[in-house]
Amino acid sequence: MTERTARWEQEVQVEERGETFGAEPQPTGNPIGGGEGYRDVLAGGDFVVRSLEALREALRGARAGQVVFVPGDAEIDMTDQPELPIRGGVTLASTRGRGGSEGALIFSNALDTPGMLATAGDCVRITGLRLRGPYPHRERIGLSANGVGTTHFGFEVDNCEVTGFSVAAIRVGQGASRAYVHHNFIHHNQQNGLGYGVSLGAGDVLVEANLFDWCRHHIASSGSPGSGYEARHNVCRPNANGHLFDMHGGRDRGDGTDIAGDWMNIHHNTFMSERLSVGIRGVPSQGARIHHNWFYNPDPANIVRTTGNTEVTRNALGPERNLSLREG
């Protein structure tokens, strides 16, 4: 454990005149990153599965309101298997954090993994699992691996460990809305040029109380019109090989605009890396707000990079936690 990580475990907030800066205290009552102490852990379901074939059959048969449950000691190999759809209203669950359980492992060792799990309707939940891809490294390769994804309303991923995907661990695609990614440990998704913890297209997502480490961008968006995200109460550990939270602009898409999404609201996060924390590669059409975060980087010029319509105010900077009133 590094000294800086130890310092995070002891204290991740600062207070100034009753305000809080950084990830704690956070209102959910569950630990950042999930795991031990997470309260909403399911202990069973309508279908109990231990193998890939059983999982496939259960997901085919499950209907809205039902739970497909994978016991915490199970390991399911999806190498060279097609992506599994999850019907609307179905929950896929395991036991991460209950009684010392790490949660069931669903994994792929195929460097070319277009996706492992995807929604086939609204209000799908994935909870308490370990999802492991084939490529936790930085070197660029010609094959792509993705984790879980949605193009629907109300997708929820919580209390999972998601790691090893060369492109994107969690994809919130075009048409998705009200996605909620919270209390996960998302790490080692870091291929150069790609490597996203949470990847957003023309949709919206709330990213809350996650623990991020070893991603190229912990959160990234195409910046397409219709895209926006709120990120709150997340902890970004020191390791990354790109700026931490991202919004692409029109030049990235080649669409002749300078649009960098519709909106962003980034607040009450702890950024332990001294890399650029927020990169907005254009102008958010409705504006971006970045406030009440704790940036370990003491240099205000290397906190946020943007070309306009962004308010940066009331953040704590550096190990000394100096209050910045910078307006931008």
C-alpha atoms as a PDB file:
ATOM      1  CA  MET A   1       0.000   0.000   0.000  1.00  0.00           C
ATOM      2  CA  THR A   2       1.388   3.387  -0.966  1.00  0.00           C
ATOM      3  CA  GLU A   3       1.589   6.260   1.464  1.00  0.00           C
ATOM      4  CA  ARG A   4      -0.973   8.170  -0.573  1.00  0.00           C
ATOM      5  CA  THR A   5      -3.396   5.249  -0.621  1.00  0.00           C
ATOM      6  CA  ALA A   6      -3.001   4.897   3.141  1.00  0.00           C
ATOM      7  CA  ARG A   7      -3.764   8.587   3.497  1.00  0.00           C
ATOM      8  CA  TRP A   8      -6.949   8.133   1.454  1.00  0.00           C
ATOM      9  CA  GLU A   9      -8.077   5.309   3.729  1.00  0.00           C
ATOM     10  CA  GLN A  10      -7.619   7.535   6.749  1.00  0.00           C
ATOM     11  CA  GLU A  11      -9.130  10.736   5.382  1.00  0.00           C
ATOM     12  CA  VAL A  12     -10.800  11.630   2.090  1.00  0.00           C
ATOM     13  CA  GLN A  13     -12.542  14.841   2.977  1.00  0.00           C
ATOM     14  CA  VAL A  14     -11.762  18.382   3.929  1.00  0.00           C
ATOM     15  CA  GLU A  15     -14.064  20.843   5.574  1.00  0.00           C
ATOM     16  CA  GLU A  16     -14.217  24.580   5.191  1.00  0.00           C
ATOM     17  CA  ARG A  17     -17.003  26.586   6.807  1.00  0.00           C
ATOM     18  CA  GLY A  18     -19.272  23.558   6.995  1.00  0.00           C
ATOM     19  CA  GLU A  19     -18.710  22.502   3.390  1.00  0.00           C
ATOM     20  CA  THR A  20     -17.240  19.143   2.460  1.00  0.00           C
ATOM     21  CA  PHE A  21     -14.742  18.562  -0.329  1.00  0.00           C
ATOM     22  CA  GLY A  22     -13.973  15.124  -1.683  1.00  0.00           C
ATOM     23  CA  ALA A  23     -15.690  11.771  -1.663  1.00  0.00           C
ATOM     24  CA  GLU A  24     -16.550  11.492   2.026  1.00  0.00           C
ATOM     25  CA  PRO A  25     -18.899  11.863   3.749  1.00  0.00           C
ATOM     26  CA  GLN A  26     -21.199  10.372   1.137  1.00  0.00           C
ATOM     27  CA  PRO A  27     -24.919   9.891   1.668  1.00  0.00           C
ATOM     28  CA  THR A  28     -25.500   6.312   0.544  1.00  0.00           C
ATOM     29  CA  GLY A  29     -24.437   4.545   3.732  1.00  0.00           C
ATOM     30  CA  ASN A  30     -22.469   1.988   1.715  1.00  0.00           C
ATOM     31  CA  PRO A  31     -18.678   1.793   1.313  1.00  0.00           C
ATOM     32  CA  ILE A  32     -17.076   3.435  -1.690  1.00  0.00           C
ATOM     33  CA  GLY A  33     -16.208   0.646  -4.112  1.00  0.00           C
ATOM     34  CA  GLY A  34     -18.667  -1.784  -2.535  1.00  0.00           C
ATOM     35  CA  GLY A  35     -17.526  -5.116  -1.115  1.00  0.00           C
ATOM     36  CA  GLU A  36     -17.402  -5.721   2.621  1.00  0.00           C
ATOM     37  CA  GLY A  37     -20.076  -3.681   4.358  1.00  0.00           C
ATOM     38  CA  TYR A  38     -22.288  -3.239   1.307  1.00  0.00           C
ATOM     39  CA  ARG A  39     -25.825  -3.715   2.512  1.00  0.00           C
ATOM     40  CA  ASP A  40     -27.896  -4.576  -0.543  1.00  0.00           C
ATOM     41  CA  VAL A  41     -26.430  -8.022  -1.273  1.00  0.00           C
ATOM     42  CA  LEU A  42     -28.842 -10.685  -2.507  1.00  0.00           C
ATOM     43  CA  ALA A  43     -28.626 -14.168  -0.991  1.00  0.00           C
ATOM     44  CA  GLY A  44     -30.573 -16.131  -3.591  1.00  0.00           C
ATOM     45  CA  GLY A  45     -32.834 -15.908  -6.601  1.00  0.00           C
ATOM     46  CA  ASP A  46     -35.487 -17.470  -8.794  1.00  0.00           C
ATOM     47  CA  PHE A  47     -32.772 -19.254 -10.778  1.00  0.00           C
ATOM     48  CA  VAL A  48     -29.529 -20.501  -9.228  1.00  0.00           C
ATOM     49  CA  VAL A  49     -26.763 -21.233 -11.740  1.00  0.00           C
ATOM     50  CA  ARG A  50     -23.135 -22.329 -11.664  1.00  0.00           C
ATOM     51  CA  SER A  51     -22.288 -22.999 -15.313  1.00  0.00           C
ATOM     52  CA  LEU A  52     -22.362 -21.092 -18.571  1.00  0.00           C
ATOM     53  CA  GLU A  53     -25.086 -23.281 -20.015  1.00  0.00           C
ATOM     54  CA  ALA A  54     -27.234 -22.869 -16.905  1.00  0.00           C
ATOM     55  CA  LEU A  55     -26.682 -19.115 -16.984  1.00  0.00           C
ATOM     56  CA  ARG A  56     -27.648 -18.937 -20.639  1.00  0.00           C
ATOM     57  CA  GLU A  57     -30.841 -20.928 -20.055  1.00  0.00           C
ATOM     58  CA  ALA A  58     -31.784 -18.921 -16.967  1.00  0.00           C
ATOM     59  CA  LEU A  59     -31.378 -15.617 -18.787  1.00  0.00           C
ATOM     60  CA  ARG A  60     -33.541 -16.937 -21.612  1.00  0.00           C
ATOM     61  CA  GLY A  61     -36.266 -17.915 -19.167  1.00  0.00           C
ATOM     62  CA  ALA A  62     -36.184 -15.096 -16.627  1.00  0.00           C
ATOM     63  CA  ARG A  63     -38.885 -12.449 -16.724  1.00  0.00           C
ATOM     64  CA  ALA A  64     -39.189  -8.964 -15.224  1.00  0.00           C
ATOM     65  CA  GLY A  65     -38.906  -9.001 -11.453  1.00  0.00           C
ATOM     66  CA  GLN A  66     -36.924 -12.240 -11.315  1.00  0.00           C
ATOM     67  CA  VAL A  67     -33.353 -12.798 -10.116  1.00  0.00           C
ATOM     68  CA  VAL A  68     -30.733 -15.016 -11.725  1.00  0.00           C
ATOM     69  CA  PHE A  69     -28.326 -15.827  -8.898  1.00  0.00           C
ATOM     70  CA  VAL A  70     -24.748 -17.083  -9.217  1.00  0.00           C
ATOM     71  CA  PRO A  71     -23.292 -18.422  -5.925  1.00  0.00           C
ATOM     72  CA  GLY A  72     -20.207 -16.598  -4.763  1.00  0.00           C
ATOM     73  CA  ASP A  73     -17.809 -19.504  -5.296  1.00  0.00           C
ATOM     74  CA  ALA A  74     -18.841 -20.119  -8.928  1.00  0.00           C
ATOM     75  CA  GLU A  75     -16.650 -19.294 -11.923  1.00  0.00           C
ATOM     76  CA  ILE A  76     -18.171 -19.044 -15.393  1.00  0.00           C
ATOM     77  CA  ASP A  77     -15.918 -19.001 -18.448  1.00  0.00           C
ATOM     78  CA  MET A  78     -17.278 -16.978 -21.380  1.00  0.00           C
ATOM     79  CA  THR A  79     -14.151 -17.216 -23.531  1.00  0.00           C
ATOM     80  CA  ASP A  80     -15.116 -17.212 -27.229  1.00  0.00           C
ATOM     81  CA  GLN A  81     -18.811 -17.091 -26.331  1.00  0.00           C
ATOM     82  CA  PRO A  82     -21.367 -14.636 -27.738  1.00  0.00           C
ATOM     83  CA  GLU A  83     -22.648 -11.797 -25.575  1.00  0.00           C
ATOM     84  CA  LEU A  84     -25.470 -12.825 -23.238  1.00  0.00           C
ATOM     85  CA  PRO A  85     -28.630 -10.659 -23.298  1.00  0.00           C
ATOM     86  CA  ILE A  86     -30.497  -9.876 -20.072  1.00  0.00           C
ATOM     87  CA  ARG A  87     -34.218  -9.268 -20.416  1.00  0.00           C
ATOM     88  CA  GLY A  88     -35.839  -6.113 -19.110  1.00  0.00           C
ATOM     89  CA  GLY A  89     -36.488  -6.069 -15.364  1.00  0.00           C
ATOM     90  CA  VAL A  90     -34.170  -9.024 -14.647  1.00  0.00           C
ATOM     91  CA  THR A  91     -31.432  -8.919 -12.006  1.00  0.00           C
ATOM     92  CA  LEU A  92     -28.193 -10.884 -12.335  1.00  0.00           C
ATOM     93  CA  ALA A  93     -26.658 -11.193  -8.870  1.00  0.00           C
ATOM     94  CA  SER A  94     -23.964 -12.704  -6.694  1.00  0.00           C
ATOM     95  CA  THR A  95     -22.638 -12.204  -3.175  1.00  0.00           C
ATOM     96  CA  ARG A  96     -19.701  -9.778  -3.284  1.00  0.00           C
ATOM     97  CA  GLY A  97     -19.134  -8.462   0.220  1.00  0.00           C
ATOM     98  CA  ARG A  98     -21.332 -10.960   2.077  1.00  0.00           C
ATOM     99  CA  GLY A  99     -19.415 -13.056   4.633  1.00  0.00           C
ATOM    100  CA  GLY A 100     -16.081 -12.348   2.970  1.00  0.00           C
ATOM    101  CA  SER A 101     -17.273 -13.406  -0.486  1.00  0.00           C
ATOM    102  CA  GLU A 102     -15.528 -11.890  -3.501  1.00  0.00           C
ATOM    103  CA  GLY A 103     -18.583 -12.648  -5.624  1.00  0.00           C
ATOM    104  CA  ALA A 104     -18.941 -15.096  -8.481  1.00  0.00           C
ATOM    105  CA  LEU A 105     -16.501 -14.647 -11.355  1.00  0.00           C
ATOM    106  CA  ILE A 106     -17.666 -14.305 -14.954  1.00  0.00           C
ATOM    107  CA  PHE A 107     -14.678 -13.991 -17.257  1.00  0.00           C
ATOM    108  CA  SER A 108     -13.366 -14.135 -20.798  1.00  0.00           C
ATOM    109  CA  ASN A 109      -9.797 -14.893 -21.874  1.00  0.00           C
ATOM    110  CA  ALA A 110     -10.450 -14.024 -25.529  1.00  0.00           C
ATOM    111  CA  LEU A 111      -8.646 -10.849 -26.579  1.00  0.00           C
ATOM    112  CA  ASP A 112     -11.486 -10.275 -29.056  1.00  0.00           C
ATOM    113  CA  THR A 113     -14.528 -10.019 -26.758  1.00  0.00           C
ATOM    114  CA  PRO A 114     -17.157  -7.681 -28.273  1.00  0.00           C
ATOM    115  CA  GLY A 115     -19.086  -7.888 -25.001  1.00  0.00           C
ATOM    116  CA  MET A 116     -19.986 -10.331 -22.240  1.00  0.00           C
ATOM    117  CA  LEU A 117     -23.368  -9.105 -20.962  1.00  0.00           C
ATOM    118  CA  ALA A 118     -25.866  -6.635 -22.431  1.00  0.00           C
ATOM    119  CA  THR A 119     -29.353  -5.395 -21.666  1.00  0.00           C
ATOM    120  CA  ALA A 120     -32.264  -6.547 -23.827  1.00  0.00           C
ATOM    121  CA  GLY A 121     -34.751  -4.220 -22.133  1.00  0.00           C
ATOM    122  CA  ASP A 122     -35.192  -1.566 -19.494  1.00  0.00           C
ATOM    123  CA  CYS A 123     -34.376  -1.712 -15.776  1.00  0.00           C
ATOM    124  CA  VAL A 124     -31.744  -4.452 -15.789  1.00  0.00           C
ATOM    125  CA  ARG A 125     -29.506  -4.763 -12.727  1.00  0.00           C
ATOM    126  CA  ILE A 126     -26.097  -6.460 -12.420  1.00  0.00           C
ATOM    127  CA  THR A 127     -24.917  -6.690  -8.820  1.00  0.00           C
ATOM    128  CA  GLY A 128     -22.363  -8.420  -6.614  1.00  0.00           C
ATOM    129  CA  LEU A 129     -20.276 -10.036  -9.376  1.00  0.00           C
ATOM    130  CA  ARG A 130     -16.669 -10.052 -10.502  1.00  0.00           C
ATOM    131  CA  LEU A 131     -16.440  -9.379 -14.232  1.00  0.00           C
ATOM    132  CA  ARG A 132     -12.987  -9.977 -15.689  1.00  0.00           C
ATOM    133  CA  GLY A 133     -11.787  -9.322 -19.191  1.00  0.00           C
ATOM    134  CA  PRO A 134      -8.714 -10.668 -20.966  1.00  0.00           C
ATOM    135  CA  TYR A 135      -6.447  -7.638 -21.182  1.00  0.00           C
ATOM    136  CA  PRO A 136      -5.413  -5.519 -18.165  1.00  0.00           C
ATOM    137  CA  HIS A 137      -2.333  -4.092 -19.902  1.00  0.00           C
ATOM    138  CA  ARG A 138      -1.498  -0.731 -21.514  1.00  0.00           C
ATOM    139  CA  GLU A 139       0.167  -1.801 -24.759  1.00  0.00           C
ATOM    140  CA  ARG A 140      -2.003  -1.216 -27.841  1.00  0.00           C
ATOM    141  CA  ILE A 141      -3.265  -4.356 -29.577  1.00  0.00           C
ATOM    142  CA  GLY A 142      -5.459  -4.859 -32.623  1.00  0.00           C
ATOM    143  CA  LEU A 143      -8.273  -6.679 -30.796  1.00  0.00           C
ATOM    144  CA  SER A 144     -11.016  -5.247 -28.594  1.00  0.00           C
ATOM    145  CA  ALA A 145     -12.567  -6.460 -25.349  1.00  0.00           C
ATOM    146  CA  ASN A 146     -15.680  -4.964 -23.737  1.00  0.00           C
ATOM    147  CA  GLY A 147     -17.515  -5.856 -20.550  1.00  0.00           C
ATOM    148  CA  VAL A 148     -21.186  -5.044 -19.959  1.00  0.00           C
ATOM    149  CA  GLY A 149     -23.361  -2.648 -21.906  1.00  0.00           C
ATOM    150  CA  THR A 150     -26.761  -1.036 -22.336  1.00  0.00           C
ATOM    151  CA  THR A 151     -28.816   0.978 -24.804  1.00  0.00           C
ATOM    152  CA  HIS A 152     -31.876   0.996 -22.531  1.00  0.00           C
ATOM    153  CA  PHE A 153     -33.471   2.903 -19.651  1.00  0.00           C
ATOM    154  CA  GLY A 154     -32.623   2.306 -16.002  1.00  0.00           C
ATOM    155  CA  PHE A 155     -29.548   0.089 -16.258  1.00  0.00           C
ATOM    156  CA  GLU A 156     -27.853  -0.429 -12.888  1.00  0.00           C
ATOM    157  CA  VAL A 157     -24.424  -1.879 -12.107  1.00  0.00           C
ATOM    158  CA  ASP A 158     -23.571  -1.956  -8.418  1.00  0.00           C
ATOM    159  CA  ASN A 159     -21.197  -3.655  -5.983  1.00  0.00           C
ATOM    160  CA  CYS A 160     -19.209  -5.318  -8.770  1.00  0.00           C
ATOM    161  CA  GLU A 161     -15.498  -5.596  -9.487  1.00  0.00           C
ATOM    162  CA  VAL A 162     -14.958  -4.895 -13.197  1.00  0.00           C
ATOM    163  CA  THR A 163     -11.472  -5.284 -14.628  1.00  0.00           C
ATOM    164  CA  GLY A 164      -9.341  -6.241 -17.605  1.00  0.00           C
ATOM    165  CA  PHE A 165     -11.224  -4.803 -20.588  1.00  0.00           C
ATOM    166  CA  SER A 166      -9.074  -3.214 -23.265  1.00  0.00           C
ATOM    167  CA  VAL A 167     -11.813  -0.910 -24.572  1.00  0.00           C
ATOM    168  CA  ALA A 168     -14.607  -0.343 -22.043  1.00  0.00           C
ATOM    169  CA  ALA A 169     -15.606  -2.065 -18.830  1.00  0.00           C
ATOM    170  CA  ILE A 170     -19.124  -0.577 -18.639  1.00  0.00           C
ATOM    171  CA  ARG A 171     -20.716   0.869 -21.786  1.00  0.00           C
ATOM    172  CA  VAL A 172     -23.691   3.215 -21.685  1.00  0.00           C
ATOM    173  CA  GLY A 173     -24.587   3.405 -25.349  1.00  0.00           C
ATOM    174  CA  GLN A 174     -26.722   5.542 -27.616  1.00  0.00           C
ATOM    175  CA  GLY A 175     -30.314   5.730 -26.415  1.00  0.00           C
ATOM    176  CA  ALA A 176     -29.557   4.704 -22.841  1.00  0.00           C
ATOM    177  CA  SER A 177     -30.950   6.919 -20.097  1.00  0.00           C
ATOM    178  CA  ARG A 178     -30.953   7.048 -16.306  1.00  0.00           C
ATOM    179  CA  ALA A 179     -28.124   4.531 -16.027  1.00  0.00           C
ATOM    180  CA  TYR A 180     -26.692   4.190 -12.526  1.00  0.00           C
ATOM    181  CA  VAL A 181     -23.158   2.873 -11.957  1.00  0.00           C
ATOM    182  CA  HIS A 182     -22.354   2.833  -8.256  1.00  0.00           C
ATOM    183  CA  HIS A 183     -20.253   1.261  -5.505  1.00  0.00           C
ATOM    184  CA  ASN A 184     -18.037  -0.713  -7.892  1.00  0.00           C
ATOM    185  CA  PHE A 185     -14.278  -1.316  -7.963  1.00  0.00           C
ATOM    186  CA  ILE A 186     -13.317  -0.533 -11.566  1.00  0.00           C
ATOM    187  CA  HIS A 187      -9.668  -1.043 -12.429  1.00  0.00           C
ATOM    188  CA  HIS A 188      -7.067  -2.119 -15.017  1.00  0.00           C
ATOM    189  CA  ASN A 189      -9.015  -1.044 -18.082  1.00  0.00           C
ATOM    190  CA  GLN A 190      -6.134   0.867 -19.586  1.00  0.00           C
ATOM    191  CA  GLN A 191      -5.161   0.043 -23.161  1.00  0.00           C
ATOM    192  CA  ASN A 192      -3.429   3.051 -24.701  1.00  0.00           C
ATOM    193  CA  GLY A 193      -5.778   5.039 -26.916  1.00  0.00           C
ATOM    194  CA  LEU A 194      -8.853   3.367 -25.390  1.00  0.00           C
ATOM    195  CA  GLY A 195      -9.185   1.932 -21.868  1.00  0.00           C
ATOM    196  CA  TYR A 196     -12.366   3.257 -20.264  1.00  0.00           C
ATOM    197  CA  GLY A 197     -13.901   2.377 -16.909  1.00  0.00           C
ATOM    198  CA  VAL A 198     -17.311   3.843 -17.781  1.00  0.00           C
ATOM    199  CA  SER A 199     -17.879   4.749 -21.438  1.00  0.00           C
ATOM    200  CA  LEU A 200     -20.813   6.913 -22.479  1.00  0.00           C
ATOM    201  CA  GLY A 201     -22.386   7.521 -25.882  1.00  0.00           C
ATOM    202  CA  ALA A 202     -25.483   9.630 -26.552  1.00  0.00           C
ATOM    203  CA  GLY A 203     -27.096   8.864 -23.198  1.00  0.00           C
ATOM    204  CA  ASP A 204     -26.842   9.816 -19.547  1.00  0.00           C
ATOM    205  CA  VAL A 205     -25.467   8.154 -16.433  1.00  0.00           C
ATOM    206  CA  LEU A 206     -24.970   8.803 -12.734  1.00  0.00           C
ATOM    207  CA  VAL A 207     -21.575   7.497 -11.569  1.00  0.00           C
ATOM    208  CA  GLU A 208     -21.472   7.378  -7.771  1.00  0.00           C
ATOM    209  CA  ALA A 209     -19.266   6.029  -4.967  1.00  0.00           C
ATOM    210  CA  ASN A 210     -16.991   3.944  -7.193  1.00  0.00           C
ATOM    211  CA  LEU A 211     -13.333   3.205  -6.568  1.00  0.00           C
ATOM    212  CA  PHE A 212     -11.274   3.714  -9.739  1.00  0.00           C
ATOM    213  CA  ASP A 213      -7.674   2.691 -10.410  1.00  0.00           C
ATOM    214  CA  TRP A 214      -5.462   1.840 -13.417  1.00  0.00           C
ATOM    215  CA  CYS A 215      -7.783   3.035 -16.185  1.00  0.00           C
ATOM    216  CA  ARG A 216      -6.804   5.294 -19.043  1.00  0.00           C
ATOM    217  CA  HIS A 217      -9.955   7.364 -18.540  1.00  0.00           C
ATOM    218  CA  HIS A 218     -12.073   6.366 -15.549  1.00  0.00           C
ATOM    219  CA  ILE A 219     -15.098   8.016 -17.204  1.00  0.00           C
ATOM    220  CA  ALA A 220     -15.207   8.892 -20.901  1.00  0.00           C
ATOM    221  CA  SER A 221     -17.876  10.122 -23.281  1.00  0.00           C
ATOM    222  CA  SER A 222     -18.087  10.525 -27.025  1.00  0.00           C
ATOM    223  CA  GLY A 223     -19.532  13.975 -26.360  1.00  0.00           C
ATOM    224  CA  SER A 224     -22.322  13.363 -28.854  1.00  0.00           C
ATOM    225  CA  PRO A 225     -25.381  15.615 -28.530  1.00  0.00           C
ATOM    226  CA  GLY A 226     -27.637  14.023 -25.922  1.00  0.00           C
ATOM    227  CA  SER A 227     -24.815  12.824 -23.688  1.00  0.00           C
ATOM    228  CA  GLY A 228     -24.233  13.920 -20.116  1.00  0.00           C
ATOM    229  CA  TYR A 229     -23.113  12.559 -16.782  1.00  0.00           C
ATOM    230  CA  GLU A 230     -22.980  13.290 -13.092  1.00  0.00           C
ATOM    231  CA  ALA A 231     -20.009  11.938 -11.143  1.00  0.00           C
ATOM    232  CA  ARG A 232     -20.119  12.219  -7.368  1.00  0.00           C
ATOM    233  CA  HIS A 233     -18.468  10.665  -4.308  1.00  0.00           C
ATOM    234  CA  ASN A 234     -15.973   8.619  -6.356  1.00  0.00           C
ATOM    235  CA  VAL A 235     -12.366   7.989  -5.362  1.00  0.00           C
ATOM    236  CA  CYS A 236      -9.751   7.922  -8.120  1.00  0.00           C
ATOM    237  CA  ARG A 237      -6.564   6.294  -6.872  1.00  0.00           C
ATOM    238  CA  PRO A 238      -3.202   7.593  -8.172  1.00  0.00           C
ATOM    239  CA  ASN A 239      -2.759   5.278 -11.159  1.00  0.00           C
ATOM    240  CA  ALA A 240      -3.925   6.261 -14.653  1.00  0.00           C
ATOM    241  CA  ASN A 241      -2.402   6.741 -18.091  1.00  0.00           C
ATOM    242  CA  GLY A 242      -4.665   9.537 -19.276  1.00  0.00           C
ATOM    243  CA  HIS A 243      -6.789  12.301 -17.829  1.00  0.00           C
ATOM    244  CA  LEU A 244      -9.293  10.873 -15.404  1.00  0.00           C
ATOM    245  CA  PHE A 245     -12.754  12.153 -16.396  1.00  0.00           C
ATOM    246  CA  ASP A 246     -13.298  12.922 -20.072  1.00  0.00           C
ATOM    247  CA  MET A 247     -15.759  14.450 -22.522  1.00  0.00           C
ATOM    248  CA  HIS A 248     -14.869  14.304 -26.226  1.00  0.00           C
ATOM    249  CA  GLY A 249     -15.573  17.180 -28.593  1.00  0.00           C
ATOM    250  CA  GLY A 250     -16.651  17.520 -32.195  1.00  0.00           C
ATOM    251  CA  ARG A 251     -13.130  17.256 -33.587  1.00  0.00           C
ATOM    252  CA  ASP A 252     -12.836  13.775 -32.032  1.00  0.00           C
ATOM    253  CA  ARG A 253     -16.018  12.716 -33.804  1.00  0.00           C
ATOM    254  CA  GLY A 254     -15.231  14.638 -36.993  1.00  0.00           C
ATOM    255  CA  ASP A 255     -18.768  16.059 -37.139  1.00  0.00           C
ATOM    256  CA  GLY A 256     -17.811  19.681 -37.755  1.00  0.00           C
ATOM    257  CA  THR A 257     -18.982  20.949 -34.349  1.00  0.00           C
ATOM    258  CA  ASP A 258     -17.309  21.995 -31.118  1.00  0.00           C
ATOM    259  CA  ILE A 259     -19.937  20.237 -28.977  1.00  0.00           C
ATOM    260  CA  ALA A 260     -18.636  18.325 -25.957  1.00  0.00           C
ATOM    261  CA  GLY A 261     -21.836  16.693 -24.787  1.00  0.00           C
ATOM    262  CA  ASP A 262     -24.854  18.382 -23.256  1.00  0.00           C
ATOM    263  CA  TRP A 263     -23.823  18.637 -19.611  1.00  0.00           C
ATOM    264  CA  MET A 264     -21.494  17.456 -16.833  1.00  0.00           C
ATOM    265  CA  ASN A 265     -21.764  17.755 -13.050  1.00  0.00           C
ATOM    266  CA  ILE A 266     -18.592  16.603 -11.278  1.00  0.00           C
ATOM    267  CA  HIS A 267     -18.639  17.120  -7.532  1.00  0.00           C
ATOM    268  CA  HIS A 268     -17.499  15.644  -4.221  1.00  0.00           C
ATOM    269  CA  ASN A 269     -14.905  13.326  -5.750  1.00  0.00           C
ATOM    270  CA  THR A 270     -11.373  12.624  -4.521  1.00  0.00           C
ATOM    271  CA  PHE A 271      -8.708  12.673  -7.260  1.00  0.00           C
ATOM    272  CA  MET A 272      -5.459  11.207  -5.934  1.00  0.00           C
ATOM    273  CA  SER A 273      -3.565  11.325  -9.231  1.00  0.00           C
ATOM    274  CA  GLU A 274      -1.589  14.421 -10.160  1.00  0.00           C
ATOM    275  CA  ARG A 275      -2.460  13.940 -13.820  1.00  0.00           C
ATOM    276  CA  LEU A 276      -5.018  16.200 -15.468  1.00  0.00           C
ATOM    277  CA  SER A 277      -8.265  15.348 -13.708  1.00  0.00           C
ATOM    278  CA  VAL A 278     -10.971  16.560 -16.113  1.00  0.00           C
ATOM    279  CA  GLY A 279     -10.528  17.003 -19.860  1.00  0.00           C
ATOM    280  CA  ILE A 280     -13.425  18.583 -21.793  1.00  0.00           C
ATOM    281  CA  ARG A 281     -12.449  18.648 -25.459  1.00  0.00           C
ATOM    282  CA  GLY A 282     -14.986  21.200 -26.635  1.00  0.00           C
ATOM    283  CA  VAL A 283     -17.950  23.146 -25.252  1.00  0.00           C
ATOM    284  CA  PRO A 284     -20.802  21.432 -23.340  1.00  0.00           C
ATOM    285  CA  SER A 285     -23.995  22.799 -24.871  1.00  0.00           C
ATOM    286  CA  GLN A 286     -25.796  23.131 -21.519  1.00  0.00           C
ATOM    287  CA  GLY A 287     -22.675  23.692 -19.423  1.00  0.00           C
ATOM    288  CA  ALA A 288     -20.434  21.832 -17.003  1.00  0.00           C
ATOM    289  CA  ARG A 289     -20.025  22.348 -13.244  1.00  0.00           C
ATOM    290  CA  ILE A 290     -16.971  21.112 -11.328  1.00  0.00           C
ATOM    291  CA  HIS A 291     -17.122  21.839  -7.616  1.00  0.00           C
ATOM    292  CA  HIS A 292     -16.428  20.541  -4.095  1.00  0.00           C
ATOM    293  CA  ASN A 293     -13.859  17.996  -5.249  1.00  0.00           C
ATOM    294  CA  TRP A 294     -10.502  17.294  -3.646  1.00  0.00           C
ATOM    295  CA  PHE A 295      -7.704  17.326  -6.207  1.00  0.00           C
ATOM    296  CA  TYR A 296      -4.339  16.131  -4.904  1.00  0.00           C
ATOM    297  CA  ASN A 297      -2.753  18.087  -7.755  1.00  0.00           C
ATOM    298  CA  PRO A 298      -1.897  21.510  -6.280  1.00  0.00           C
ATOM    299  CA  ASP A 299      -1.741  23.311  -9.640  1.00  0.00           C
ATOM    300  CA  PRO A 300      -5.087  24.875 -10.636  1.00  0.00           C
ATOM    301  CA  ALA A 301      -3.971  24.966 -14.275  1.00  0.00           C
ATOM    302  CA  ASN A 302      -3.726  21.179 -14.387  1.00  0.00           C
ATOM    303  CA  ILE A 303      -7.060  20.371 -12.770  1.00  0.00           C
ATOM    304  CA  VAL A 304      -9.538  21.032 -15.570  1.00  0.00           C
ATOM    305  CA  ARG A 305      -8.945  21.673 -19.254  1.00  0.00           C
ATOM    306  CA  THR A 306     -11.893  23.089 -21.200  1.00  0.00           C
ATOM    307  CA  THR A 307     -12.701  25.526 -23.991  1.00  0.00           C
ATOM    308  CA  GLY A 308     -15.789  27.118 -22.471  1.00  0.00           C
ATOM    309  CA  ASN A 309     -19.193  27.017 -20.779  1.00  0.00           C
ATOM    310  CA  THR A 310     -17.656  25.391 -17.699  1.00  0.00           C
ATOM    311  CA  GLU A 311     -17.807  26.574 -14.097  1.00  0.00           C
ATOM    312  CA  VAL A 312     -14.914  25.470 -11.889  1.00  0.00           C
ATOM    313  CA  THR A 313     -15.307  26.742  -8.345  1.00  0.00           C
ATOM    314  CA  ARG A 314     -14.872  25.786  -4.688  1.00  0.00           C
ATOM    315  CA  ASN A 315     -12.538  22.801  -4.901  1.00  0.00           C
ATOM    316  CA  ALA A 316      -9.754  21.726  -2.533  1.00  0.00           C
ATOM    317  CA  LEU A 317      -6.276  21.478  -4.068  1.00  0.00           C
ATOM    318  CA  GLY A 318      -3.106  19.659  -3.046  1.00  0.00           C
ATOM    319  CA  PRO A 319      -2.168  17.640   0.043  1.00  0.00           C
ATOM    320  CA  GLU A 320      -2.612  20.808   2.095  1.00  0.00           C
ATOM    321  CA  ARG A 321      -6.225  20.966   0.884  1.00  0.00           C
ATOM    322  CA  ASN A 322      -6.154  24.622  -0.060  1.00  0.00           C
ATOM    323  CA  LEU A 323      -9.518  26.003  -1.048  1.00  0.00           C
ATOM    324  CA  SER A 324      -9.691  27.205  -4.662  1.00  0.00           C
ATOM    325  CA  LEU A 325     -12.335  29.736  -5.631  1.00  0.00           C
ATOM    326  CA  ARG A 326     -11.317  29.682  -9.272  1.00  0.00           C
ATOM    327  CA  GLU A 327     -14.104  30.602 -11.654  1.00  0.00           C
ATOM    328  CA  GLY A 328     -14.005  29.376 -15.232  1.00  0.00           C
END
